[in-house]
Amino acid sequence: MKSIKLLTVFALTALCATSSFCADGASKGAQKKEIALQLYSLRDDIKKDYAGTIEKAGKMGFTAVEAAGYNNGKFYGRTPAEFKADVEAAGMKVLSSHVAHALSDKEIESGDFSEALKWWDTCLKAHKEAGMEYVVVPWQRVSPTLKELDAYCKYYNEIGKKCAELGMKFGYHNHAHEFKKVEDKTVMYDYMLKHTDPKYVFFQMDVYWVVMGGHSPVEYFKQNPNRFKLLHIKDLAELGQSGMVGFDAIFNNMKTAGTENVIVEVERYNYAPEKSVELSLKYLLDSPFVPASCK
């Protein structure tokens, strides 16, 4: 996703001291904090050495993981039960997963999502078996029409209902393109917030991409309280190195956001991926604005 040049840097996003997620400090003198890792951050490593990468994440001090490797009933080639056991053996828990299934043009036109929802039945069963608490769609194109965007909102409501029946929560993860207008009428992200049911759909805000989209995460928290159960804590590369994201404001406003868990994601690196991820965790462990306990 191409970054958008910002004219103003907003006093950003926020996570609350009442979040349920706070990571076991790997850095010297760090307080106990619960922090999850999006495994996409170590995507090349996990392809080469799945078991070793999971083990390293636990040793760094992460307390949970978010998967990005579901395919045909398995996670990174492992059964749901095997994946859960692998994560727990590394001293972490399975928290969430990124997974998507796009609608066909026919489904968008007809509003009949029955076939797509059959796919989700199988998918969600696997996620439940893996111990997932949250299931998140990680990406959707900019809808060319409001009809398509509205169809996806209704579709997400239906997936959310299925998740709720299984004791899980369903959400959507943003990039920067969701802040474009559809049919030059409405900002895509705003429409999704308004037309999805809060009982069934939450939003996993990626704070970096909100900034790159030209907006303030904190303002979104205030305008849409309790909609952001998960936050992706991300920067241009390692956390805190760019100076563009006001992480202190983010963590000071988590209560308004309704945040329950925070997840580190590193997409770009100044060092080897493992080092960049570890430095990002250390940044949070050493930052006084990150709560020692979210309970």
C-alpha atoms as a PDB file:
ATOM      1  CA  MET A   1       0.000   0.000   0.000  1.00  0.00           C
ATOM      2  CA  LYS A   2       1.486   3.358  -0.961  1.00  0.00           C
ATOM      3  CA  SER A   3       1.927   5.779   1.924  1.00  0.00           C
ATOM      4  CA  ILE A   4       0.245   9.145   1.679  1.00  0.00           C
ATOM      5  CA  LYS A   5       2.337  12.202   2.529  1.00  0.00           C
ATOM      6  CA  LEU A   6       0.878  13.866   5.605  1.00  0.00           C
ATOM      7  CA  LEU A   7       0.773  17.614   6.023  1.00  0.00           C
ATOM      8  CA  THR A   8      -0.134  17.300   9.660  1.00  0.00           C
ATOM      9  CA  VAL A   9       0.870  14.607  12.107  1.00  0.00           C
ATOM     10  CA  PHE A  10      -2.019  13.901  14.400  1.00  0.00           C
ATOM     11  CA  ALA A  11      -1.654  13.270  18.086  1.00  0.00           C
ATOM     12  CA  LEU A  12      -2.519   9.667  17.532  1.00  0.00           C
ATOM     13  CA  THR A  13      -4.412   6.743  18.598  1.00  0.00           C
ATOM     14  CA  ALA A  14      -4.802   5.173  21.898  1.00  0.00           C
ATOM     15  CA  LEU A  15      -5.021   2.049  23.881  1.00  0.00           C
ATOM     16  CA  CYS A  16      -6.567   1.938  27.291  1.00  0.00           C
ATOM     17  CA  ALA A  17      -5.286   0.883  30.637  1.00  0.00           C
ATOM     18  CA  THR A  18      -8.293  -1.382  30.845  1.00  0.00           C
ATOM     19  CA  SER A  19      -7.313  -3.519  27.858  1.00  0.00           C
ATOM     20  CA  SER A  20      -7.256  -7.226  28.616  1.00  0.00           C
ATOM     21  CA  PHE A  21      -3.908  -7.609  26.901  1.00  0.00           C
ATOM     22  CA  CYS A  22      -0.728  -6.656  28.646  1.00  0.00           C
ATOM     23  CA  ALA A  23       3.622  -9.062  27.646  1.00  0.00           C
ATOM     24  CA  ASP A  24       6.083 -10.762  29.687  1.00  0.00           C
ATOM     25  CA  GLY A  25       9.069  -8.454  29.563  1.00  0.00           C
ATOM     26  CA  ALA A  26      12.020  -9.705  27.630  1.00  0.00           C
ATOM     27  CA  SER A  27      14.083  -6.567  28.193  1.00  0.00           C
ATOM     28  CA  LYS A  28      15.915  -6.029  31.458  1.00  0.00           C
ATOM     29  CA  GLY A  29      13.770  -4.508  34.184  1.00  0.00           C
ATOM     30  CA  ALA A  30      10.629  -4.512  32.046  1.00  0.00           C
ATOM     31  CA  GLN A  31       7.308  -4.893  33.798  1.00  0.00           C
ATOM     32  CA  LYS A  32       4.959  -7.712  32.928  1.00  0.00           C
ATOM     33  CA  LYS A  33       2.921  -6.750  29.899  1.00  0.00           C
ATOM     34  CA  GLU A  34       0.719  -8.789  27.596  1.00  0.00           C
ATOM     35  CA  ILE A  35       1.505  -8.147  23.934  1.00  0.00           C
ATOM     36  CA  ALA A  36       0.653 -10.306  20.927  1.00  0.00           C
ATOM     37  CA  LEU A  37       2.586 -10.756  17.688  1.00  0.00           C
ATOM     38  CA  GLN A  38       1.118 -10.876  14.197  1.00  0.00           C
ATOM     39  CA  LEU A  39       3.098 -13.766  12.727  1.00  0.00           C
ATOM     40  CA  TYR A  40       3.156 -12.028   9.347  1.00  0.00           C
ATOM     41  CA  SER A  41       5.952  -9.972  10.928  1.00  0.00           C
ATOM     42  CA  LEU A  42       8.150 -13.068  10.650  1.00  0.00           C
ATOM     43  CA  ARG A  43       6.645 -14.342   7.396  1.00  0.00           C
ATOM     44  CA  ASP A  44       9.907 -15.364   5.720  1.00  0.00           C
ATOM     45  CA  ASP A  45      11.274 -16.988   8.868  1.00  0.00           C
ATOM     46  CA  ILE A  46       8.132 -19.023   9.481  1.00  0.00           C
ATOM     47  CA  LYS A  47       8.226 -20.394   5.919  1.00  0.00           C
ATOM     48  CA  LYS A  48      11.759 -21.640   6.484  1.00  0.00           C
ATOM     49  CA  ASP A  49      11.442 -22.803  10.089  1.00  0.00           C
ATOM     50  CA  TYR A  50       7.894 -22.882  11.434  1.00  0.00           C
ATOM     51  CA  ALA A  51       8.649 -24.528  14.789  1.00  0.00           C
ATOM     52  CA  GLY A  52      11.753 -22.451  15.449  1.00  0.00           C
ATOM     53  CA  THR A  53       9.978 -19.196  14.655  1.00  0.00           C
ATOM     54  CA  ILE A  54       7.093 -19.938  17.016  1.00  0.00           C
ATOM     55  CA  GLU A  55       9.596 -20.799  19.733  1.00  0.00           C
ATOM     56  CA  LYS A  56      11.565 -17.571  19.152  1.00  0.00           C
ATOM     57  CA  ALA A  57       8.423 -15.444  19.480  1.00  0.00           C
ATOM     58  CA  GLY A  58       7.743 -16.945  22.880  1.00  0.00           C
ATOM     59  CA  LYS A  59      11.314 -16.454  24.038  1.00  0.00           C
ATOM     60  CA  MET A  60      11.240 -12.795  22.984  1.00  0.00           C
ATOM     61  CA  GLY A  61       8.445 -12.194  25.474  1.00  0.00           C
ATOM     62  CA  PHE A  62       5.280 -12.158  23.374  1.00  0.00           C
ATOM     63  CA  THR A  63       2.329 -13.683  25.184  1.00  0.00           C
ATOM     64  CA  ALA A  64       0.050 -14.496  22.235  1.00  0.00           C
ATOM     65  CA  VAL A  65      -0.005 -14.747  18.462  1.00  0.00           C
ATOM     66  CA  GLU A  66      -2.210 -13.675  15.597  1.00  0.00           C
ATOM     67  CA  ALA A  67      -2.051 -16.083  12.675  1.00  0.00           C
ATOM     68  CA  ALA A  68      -1.868 -15.168   8.998  1.00  0.00           C
ATOM     69  CA  GLY A  69      -1.494 -18.649   7.582  1.00  0.00           C
ATOM     70  CA  TYR A  70      -4.901 -20.350   7.383  1.00  0.00           C
ATOM     71  CA  ASN A  71      -5.514 -22.544   4.340  1.00  0.00           C
ATOM     72  CA  ASN A  72      -7.902 -25.451   3.796  1.00  0.00           C
ATOM     73  CA  GLY A  73      -8.517 -26.180   7.450  1.00  0.00           C
ATOM     74  CA  LYS A  74      -4.908 -25.823   8.591  1.00  0.00           C
ATOM     75  CA  PHE A  75      -2.644 -23.128  10.021  1.00  0.00           C
ATOM     76  CA  TYR A  76       0.825 -23.045   8.496  1.00  0.00           C
ATOM     77  CA  GLY A  77       0.260 -26.632   7.386  1.00  0.00           C
ATOM     78  CA  ARG A  78      -0.645 -27.780  10.898  1.00  0.00           C
ATOM     79  CA  THR A  79      -4.053 -28.950  12.098  1.00  0.00           C
ATOM     80  CA  PRO A  80      -5.883 -26.534  14.404  1.00  0.00           C
ATOM     81  CA  ALA A  81      -5.076 -28.712  17.420  1.00  0.00           C
ATOM     82  CA  GLU A  82      -1.421 -28.985  16.422  1.00  0.00           C
ATOM     83  CA  PHE A  83      -1.095 -25.240  15.885  1.00  0.00           C
ATOM     84  CA  LYS A  84      -2.678 -24.512  19.265  1.00  0.00           C
ATOM     85  CA  ALA A  85      -0.342 -26.996  20.971  1.00  0.00           C
ATOM     86  CA  ASP A  86       2.718 -25.520  19.235  1.00  0.00           C
ATOM     87  CA  VAL A  87       1.876 -21.992  20.350  1.00  0.00           C
ATOM     88  CA  GLU A  88       1.112 -23.037  23.898  1.00  0.00           C
ATOM     89  CA  ALA A  89       4.320 -25.065  24.106  1.00  0.00           C
ATOM     90  CA  ALA A  90       6.172 -21.823  23.336  1.00  0.00           C
ATOM     91  CA  GLY A  91       4.520 -20.174  26.350  1.00  0.00           C
ATOM     92  CA  MET A  92       1.936 -18.180  24.413  1.00  0.00           C
ATOM     93  CA  LYS A  93      -1.734 -18.449  23.548  1.00  0.00           C
ATOM     94  CA  VAL A  94      -3.615 -18.390  20.254  1.00  0.00           C
ATOM     95  CA  LEU A  95      -5.432 -15.065  20.095  1.00  0.00           C
ATOM     96  CA  SER A  96      -6.618 -14.234  16.587  1.00  0.00           C
ATOM     97  CA  SER A  97      -6.319 -14.891  12.880  1.00  0.00           C
ATOM     98  CA  HIS A  98      -6.378 -12.995   9.596  1.00  0.00           C
ATOM     99  CA  VAL A  99      -8.481 -14.743   6.962  1.00  0.00           C
ATOM    100  CA  ALA A 100     -10.710 -13.647   4.085  1.00  0.00           C
ATOM    101  CA  HIS A 101     -13.124 -14.956   1.466  1.00  0.00           C
ATOM    102  CA  ALA A 102     -14.226 -12.468  -1.176  1.00  0.00           C
ATOM    103  CA  LEU A 103     -17.717 -12.296  -2.638  1.00  0.00           C
ATOM    104  CA  SER A 104     -18.295 -13.024  -6.305  1.00  0.00           C
ATOM    105  CA  ASP A 105     -19.915 -10.463  -8.584  1.00  0.00           C
ATOM    106  CA  LYS A 106     -23.015 -12.654  -8.623  1.00  0.00           C
ATOM    107  CA  GLU A 107     -23.218 -12.698  -4.830  1.00  0.00           C
ATOM    108  CA  ILE A 108     -22.784  -8.938  -4.656  1.00  0.00           C
ATOM    109  CA  GLU A 109     -25.496  -8.387  -7.241  1.00  0.00           C
ATOM    110  CA  SER A 110     -27.980 -10.864  -5.717  1.00  0.00           C
ATOM    111  CA  GLY A 111     -27.263 -10.308  -2.033  1.00  0.00           C
ATOM    112  CA  ASP A 112     -27.293 -14.083  -1.573  1.00  0.00           C
ATOM    113  CA  PHE A 113     -24.216 -15.005   0.485  1.00  0.00           C
ATOM    114  CA  SER A 114     -25.203 -18.603   1.231  1.00  0.00           C
ATOM    115  CA  GLU A 115     -22.345 -20.228  -0.693  1.00  0.00           C
ATOM    116  CA  ALA A 116     -19.725 -17.922   0.777  1.00  0.00           C
ATOM    117  CA  LEU A 117     -21.102 -18.529   4.251  1.00  0.00           C
ATOM    118  CA  LYS A 118     -20.722 -22.291   3.760  1.00  0.00           C
ATOM    119  CA  TRP A 119     -17.001 -21.657   3.283  1.00  0.00           C
ATOM    120  CA  TRP A 120     -16.991 -19.692   6.525  1.00  0.00           C
ATOM    121  CA  ASP A 121     -18.701 -22.560   8.376  1.00  0.00           C
ATOM    122  CA  THR A 122     -15.679 -24.776   7.678  1.00  0.00           C
ATOM    123  CA  CYS A 123     -13.210 -21.976   8.299  1.00  0.00           C
ATOM    124  CA  LEU A 124     -14.704 -20.933  11.630  1.00  0.00           C
ATOM    125  CA  LYS A 125     -14.862 -24.502  12.864  1.00  0.00           C
ATOM    126  CA  ALA A 126     -11.097 -24.749  12.368  1.00  0.00           C
ATOM    127  CA  HIS A 127     -10.545 -21.418  14.115  1.00  0.00           C
ATOM    128  CA  LYS A 128     -12.619 -22.520  17.081  1.00  0.00           C
ATOM    129  CA  GLU A 129     -10.608 -25.732  17.331  1.00  0.00           C
ATOM    130  CA  ALA A 130      -7.392 -23.696  17.267  1.00  0.00           C
ATOM    131  CA  GLY A 131      -8.570 -21.663  20.250  1.00  0.00           C
ATOM    132  CA  MET A 132      -9.092 -18.365  18.435  1.00  0.00           C
ATOM    133  CA  GLU A 133     -10.869 -15.552  20.261  1.00  0.00           C
ATOM    134  CA  TYR A 134     -11.018 -13.235  17.253  1.00  0.00           C
ATOM    135  CA  VAL A 135     -11.334 -13.743  13.494  1.00  0.00           C
ATOM    136  CA  VAL A 136     -10.348 -10.783  11.327  1.00  0.00           C
ATOM    137  CA  VAL A 137     -10.691 -10.007   7.616  1.00  0.00           C
ATOM    138  CA  PRO A 138      -7.364  -8.346   6.777  1.00  0.00           C
ATOM    139  CA  TRP A 139      -8.164  -6.597   3.512  1.00  0.00           C
ATOM    140  CA  GLN A 140     -10.857  -5.551   1.080  1.00  0.00           C
ATOM    141  CA  ARG A 141     -10.478  -3.580  -2.103  1.00  0.00           C
ATOM    142  CA  VAL A 142     -11.890  -0.087  -2.434  1.00  0.00           C
ATOM    143  CA  SER A 143     -15.436  -0.802  -3.519  1.00  0.00           C
ATOM    144  CA  PRO A 144     -16.202   0.792  -6.885  1.00  0.00           C
ATOM    145  CA  THR A 145     -19.859   1.224  -5.918  1.00  0.00           C
ATOM    146  CA  LEU A 146     -21.886   1.779  -2.773  1.00  0.00           C
ATOM    147  CA  LYS A 147     -23.910  -1.292  -3.717  1.00  0.00           C
ATOM    148  CA  GLU A 148     -20.826  -3.467  -3.402  1.00  0.00           C
ATOM    149  CA  LEU A 149     -19.715  -1.788  -0.171  1.00  0.00           C
ATOM    150  CA  ASP A 150     -23.172  -2.229   1.331  1.00  0.00           C
ATOM    151  CA  ALA A 151     -23.176  -5.888   0.314  1.00  0.00           C
ATOM    152  CA  TYR A 152     -19.897  -6.429   2.155  1.00  0.00           C
ATOM    153  CA  CYS A 153     -21.237  -4.740   5.275  1.00  0.00           C
ATOM    154  CA  LYS A 154     -24.226  -7.094   5.272  1.00  0.00           C
ATOM    155  CA  TYR A 155     -21.904 -10.033   4.552  1.00  0.00           C
ATOM    156  CA  TYR A 156     -19.689  -9.121   7.498  1.00  0.00           C
ATOM    157  CA  ASN A 157     -22.718  -8.910   9.771  1.00  0.00           C
ATOM    158  CA  GLU A 158     -23.626 -12.468   8.811  1.00  0.00           C
ATOM    159  CA  ILE A 159     -20.094 -13.749   9.417  1.00  0.00           C
ATOM    160  CA  GLY A 160     -20.122 -11.943  12.753  1.00  0.00           C
ATOM    161  CA  LYS A 161     -23.293 -13.740  13.760  1.00  0.00           C
ATOM    162  CA  LYS A 162     -21.687 -17.090  12.980  1.00  0.00           C
ATOM    163  CA  CYS A 163     -18.638 -16.155  15.047  1.00  0.00           C
ATOM    164  CA  ALA A 164     -20.839 -15.107  17.955  1.00  0.00           C
ATOM    165  CA  GLU A 165     -22.611 -18.456  17.874  1.00  0.00           C
ATOM    166  CA  LEU A 166     -19.216 -20.123  18.332  1.00  0.00           C
ATOM    167  CA  GLY A 167     -18.110 -17.776  21.093  1.00  0.00           C
ATOM    168  CA  MET A 168     -15.694 -15.806  18.889  1.00  0.00           C
ATOM    169  CA  LYS A 169     -15.620 -12.191  17.706  1.00  0.00           C
ATOM    170  CA  PHE A 170     -15.388 -10.994  14.106  1.00  0.00           C
ATOM    171  CA  GLY A 171     -13.628  -7.875  12.871  1.00  0.00           C
ATOM    172  CA  TYR A 172     -12.124  -5.981   9.958  1.00  0.00           C
ATOM    173  CA  HIS A 173      -8.523  -4.731   9.640  1.00  0.00           C
ATOM    174  CA  ASN A 174      -7.816  -1.526   7.729  1.00  0.00           C
ATOM    175  CA  HIS A 175      -5.065  -0.237   5.497  1.00  0.00           C
ATOM    176  CA  ALA A 176      -4.857   3.313   4.102  1.00  0.00           C
ATOM    177  CA  HIS A 177      -7.122   2.837   1.093  1.00  0.00           C
ATOM    178  CA  GLU A 178     -10.275   2.566   3.212  1.00  0.00           C
ATOM    179  CA  PHE A 179     -10.052   6.341   3.707  1.00  0.00           C
ATOM    180  CA  LYS A 180     -10.831   6.966   0.044  1.00  0.00           C
ATOM    181  CA  LYS A 181     -14.333   7.917  -1.011  1.00  0.00           C
ATOM    182  CA  VAL A 182     -16.684   5.546  -2.807  1.00  0.00           C
ATOM    183  CA  GLU A 183     -18.558   7.125  -5.711  1.00  0.00           C
ATOM    184  CA  ASP A 184     -17.118  10.433  -4.420  1.00  0.00           C
ATOM    185  CA  LYS A 185     -19.831  10.339  -1.752  1.00  0.00           C
ATOM    186  CA  THR A 186     -18.592   8.703   1.432  1.00  0.00           C
ATOM    187  CA  VAL A 187     -15.335   7.559   3.005  1.00  0.00           C
ATOM    188  CA  MET A 188     -15.252   3.770   2.784  1.00  0.00           C
ATOM    189  CA  TYR A 189     -14.131   3.282   6.406  1.00  0.00           C
ATOM    190  CA  ASP A 190     -16.817   5.610   7.750  1.00  0.00           C
ATOM    191  CA  TYR A 191     -19.494   3.780   5.791  1.00  0.00           C
ATOM    192  CA  MET A 192     -18.309   0.423   7.150  1.00  0.00           C
ATOM    193  CA  LEU A 193     -18.356   1.693  10.724  1.00  0.00           C
ATOM    194  CA  LYS A 194     -21.897   3.005  10.265  1.00  0.00           C
ATOM    195  CA  HIS A 195     -23.374   0.060   8.365  1.00  0.00           C
ATOM    196  CA  THR A 196     -21.973  -2.897  10.298  1.00  0.00           C
ATOM    197  CA  ASP A 197     -23.660  -4.045  13.492  1.00  0.00           C
ATOM    198  CA  PRO A 198     -21.519  -3.357  16.596  1.00  0.00           C
ATOM    199  CA  LYS A 199     -22.935  -6.527  18.143  1.00  0.00           C
ATOM    200  CA  TYR A 200     -21.312  -8.621  15.437  1.00  0.00           C
ATOM    201  CA  VAL A 201     -18.509  -6.601  13.820  1.00  0.00           C
ATOM    202  CA  PHE A 202     -15.603  -4.836  15.495  1.00  0.00           C
ATOM    203  CA  PHE A 203     -12.675  -3.051  13.848  1.00  0.00           C
ATOM    204  CA  GLN A 204      -9.033  -3.975  14.270  1.00  0.00           C
ATOM    205  CA  MET A 205      -7.474  -0.576  13.790  1.00  0.00           C
ATOM    206  CA  ASP A 206      -4.033  -0.541  12.248  1.00  0.00           C
ATOM    207  CA  VAL A 207      -2.847   2.736  13.738  1.00  0.00           C
ATOM    208  CA  TYR A 208      -0.041   3.294  11.243  1.00  0.00           C
ATOM    209  CA  TRP A 209      -2.299   2.942   8.221  1.00  0.00           C
ATOM    210  CA  VAL A 210      -4.865   5.308   9.719  1.00  0.00           C
ATOM    211  CA  VAL A 211      -2.130   7.943   9.943  1.00  0.00           C
ATOM    212  CA  MET A 212      -1.016   7.172   6.394  1.00  0.00           C
ATOM    213  CA  GLY A 213      -4.642   7.613   5.361  1.00  0.00           C
ATOM    214  CA  GLY A 214      -4.475  11.157   6.733  1.00  0.00           C
ATOM    215  CA  HIS A 215      -6.507  10.658   9.891  1.00  0.00           C
ATOM    216  CA  SER A 216      -6.188  10.561  13.664  1.00  0.00           C
ATOM    217  CA  PRO A 217      -6.786   7.215  15.366  1.00  0.00           C
ATOM    218  CA  VAL A 218      -7.744   9.026  18.579  1.00  0.00           C
ATOM    219  CA  GLU A 219     -10.453  10.991  16.789  1.00  0.00           C
ATOM    220  CA  TYR A 220     -11.845   7.744  15.413  1.00  0.00           C
ATOM    221  CA  PHE A 221     -11.886   6.337  18.946  1.00  0.00           C
ATOM    222  CA  LYS A 222     -13.872   9.333  20.147  1.00  0.00           C
ATOM    223  CA  GLN A 223     -16.300   9.279  17.234  1.00  0.00           C
ATOM    224  CA  ASN A 224     -16.819   5.501  17.376  1.00  0.00           C
ATOM    225  CA  PRO A 225     -16.314   4.438  21.009  1.00  0.00           C
ATOM    226  CA  ASN A 226     -15.932   0.748  21.838  1.00  0.00           C
ATOM    227  CA  ARG A 227     -15.608  -0.343  18.201  1.00  0.00           C
ATOM    228  CA  PHE A 228     -11.873  -1.127  18.231  1.00  0.00           C
ATOM    229  CA  LYS A 229     -11.417  -4.317  20.245  1.00  0.00           C
ATOM    230  CA  LEU A 230      -8.025  -5.065  18.698  1.00  0.00           C
ATOM    231  CA  LEU A 231      -5.274  -2.651  17.685  1.00  0.00           C
ATOM    232  CA  HIS A 232      -2.376  -3.290  15.364  1.00  0.00           C
ATOM    233  CA  ILE A 233       0.548  -1.374  16.815  1.00  0.00           C
ATOM    234  CA  LYS A 234       2.703  -0.623  13.813  1.00  0.00           C
ATOM    235  CA  ASP A 235       5.167   1.956  12.473  1.00  0.00           C
ATOM    236  CA  LEU A 236       6.988   2.539   9.192  1.00  0.00           C
ATOM    237  CA  ALA A 237       9.433  -0.149  10.325  1.00  0.00           C
ATOM    238  CA  GLU A 238      10.388  -0.859  13.972  1.00  0.00           C
ATOM    239  CA  LEU A 239       8.045   0.696  16.526  1.00  0.00           C
ATOM    240  CA  GLY A 240       8.939   4.236  17.528  1.00  0.00           C
ATOM    241  CA  GLN A 241      11.610   4.792  14.892  1.00  0.00           C
ATOM    242  CA  SER A 242       9.680   7.056  12.527  1.00  0.00           C
ATOM    243  CA  GLY A 243       8.314   9.621  14.964  1.00  0.00           C
ATOM    244  CA  MET A 244       5.081   9.727  12.949  1.00  0.00           C
ATOM    245  CA  VAL A 245       2.850   7.694  15.254  1.00  0.00           C
ATOM    246  CA  GLY A 246       1.953   9.098  18.678  1.00  0.00           C
ATOM    247  CA  PHE A 247       1.893   5.826  20.561  1.00  0.00           C
ATOM    248  CA  ASP A 248       1.544   7.557  23.938  1.00  0.00           C
ATOM    249  CA  ALA A 249      -1.765   9.102  22.870  1.00  0.00           C
ATOM    250  CA  ILE A 250      -2.847   5.748  21.498  1.00  0.00           C
ATOM    251  CA  PHE A 251      -2.255   3.919  24.749  1.00  0.00           C
ATOM    252  CA  ASN A 252      -3.817   6.707  26.815  1.00  0.00           C
ATOM    253  CA  ASN A 253      -7.117   6.403  24.924  1.00  0.00           C
ATOM    254  CA  MET A 254      -7.609   2.666  24.728  1.00  0.00           C
ATOM    255  CA  LYS A 255     -10.526   2.748  27.146  1.00  0.00           C
ATOM    256  CA  THR A 256     -12.504   4.979  24.794  1.00  0.00           C
ATOM    257  CA  ALA A 257     -11.615   2.696  21.893  1.00  0.00           C
ATOM    258  CA  GLY A 258     -12.880  -0.362  23.775  1.00  0.00           C
ATOM    259  CA  THR A 259      -9.568  -2.120  23.138  1.00  0.00           C
ATOM    260  CA  GLU A 260      -9.168  -5.593  24.600  1.00  0.00           C
ATOM    261  CA  ASN A 261      -5.834  -6.635  23.073  1.00  0.00           C
ATOM    262  CA  VAL A 262      -2.854  -5.105  21.292  1.00  0.00           C
ATOM    263  CA  ILE A 263      -0.851  -6.780  18.547  1.00  0.00           C
ATOM    264  CA  VAL A 264       2.573  -5.847  17.193  1.00  0.00           C
ATOM    265  CA  GLU A 265       3.007  -6.002  13.436  1.00  0.00           C
ATOM    266  CA  VAL A 266       6.267  -5.200  11.642  1.00  0.00           C
ATOM    267  CA  GLU A 267       5.997  -5.104   7.844  1.00  0.00           C
ATOM    268  CA  ARG A 268       9.251  -3.355   6.932  1.00  0.00           C
ATOM    269  CA  TYR A 269      12.654  -3.727   8.528  1.00  0.00           C
ATOM    270  CA  ASN A 270      15.867  -1.798   9.091  1.00  0.00           C
ATOM    271  CA  TYR A 271      17.466  -4.997  10.382  1.00  0.00           C
ATOM    272  CA  ALA A 272      16.907  -8.713  10.073  1.00  0.00           C
ATOM    273  CA  PRO A 273      13.179  -9.409  10.699  1.00  0.00           C
ATOM    274  CA  GLU A 274      13.817 -11.179  14.002  1.00  0.00           C
ATOM    275  CA  LYS A 275      15.801  -8.212  15.357  1.00  0.00           C
ATOM    276  CA  SER A 276      13.259  -5.671  14.119  1.00  0.00           C
ATOM    277  CA  VAL A 277      10.445  -7.561  15.813  1.00  0.00           C
ATOM    278  CA  GLU A 278      12.392  -7.885  19.065  1.00  0.00           C
ATOM    279  CA  LEU A 279      13.256  -4.164  19.040  1.00  0.00           C
ATOM    280  CA  SER A 280       9.583  -3.347  18.530  1.00  0.00           C
ATOM    281  CA  LEU A 281       8.589  -5.434  21.528  1.00  0.00           C
ATOM    282  CA  LYS A 282      11.330  -3.842  23.630  1.00  0.00           C
ATOM    283  CA  TYR A 283      10.010  -0.398  22.699  1.00  0.00           C
ATOM    284  CA  LEU A 284       6.634  -1.255  24.221  1.00  0.00           C
ATOM    285  CA  LEU A 285       8.080  -3.031  27.241  1.00  0.00           C
ATOM    286  CA  ASP A 286      10.277  -0.045  28.040  1.00  0.00           C
ATOM    287  CA  SER A 287       7.633   2.641  27.366  1.00  0.00           C
ATOM    288  CA  PRO A 288       6.001   3.984  30.544  1.00  0.00           C
ATOM    289  CA  PHE A 289       2.732   4.740  28.753  1.00  0.00           C
ATOM    290  CA  VAL A 290       2.159   1.037  28.020  1.00  0.00           C
ATOM    291  CA  PRO A 291       0.268  -0.357  31.032  1.00  0.00           C
ATOM    292  CA  ALA A 292       1.894  -3.050  33.136  1.00  0.00           C
ATOM    293  CA  SER A 293      -1.467  -4.704  33.540  1.00  0.00           C
ATOM    294  CA  CYS A 294      -4.570  -4.268  31.443  1.00  0.00           C
ATOM    295  CA  LYS A 295      -6.893  -5.900  33.952  1.00  0.00           C
END
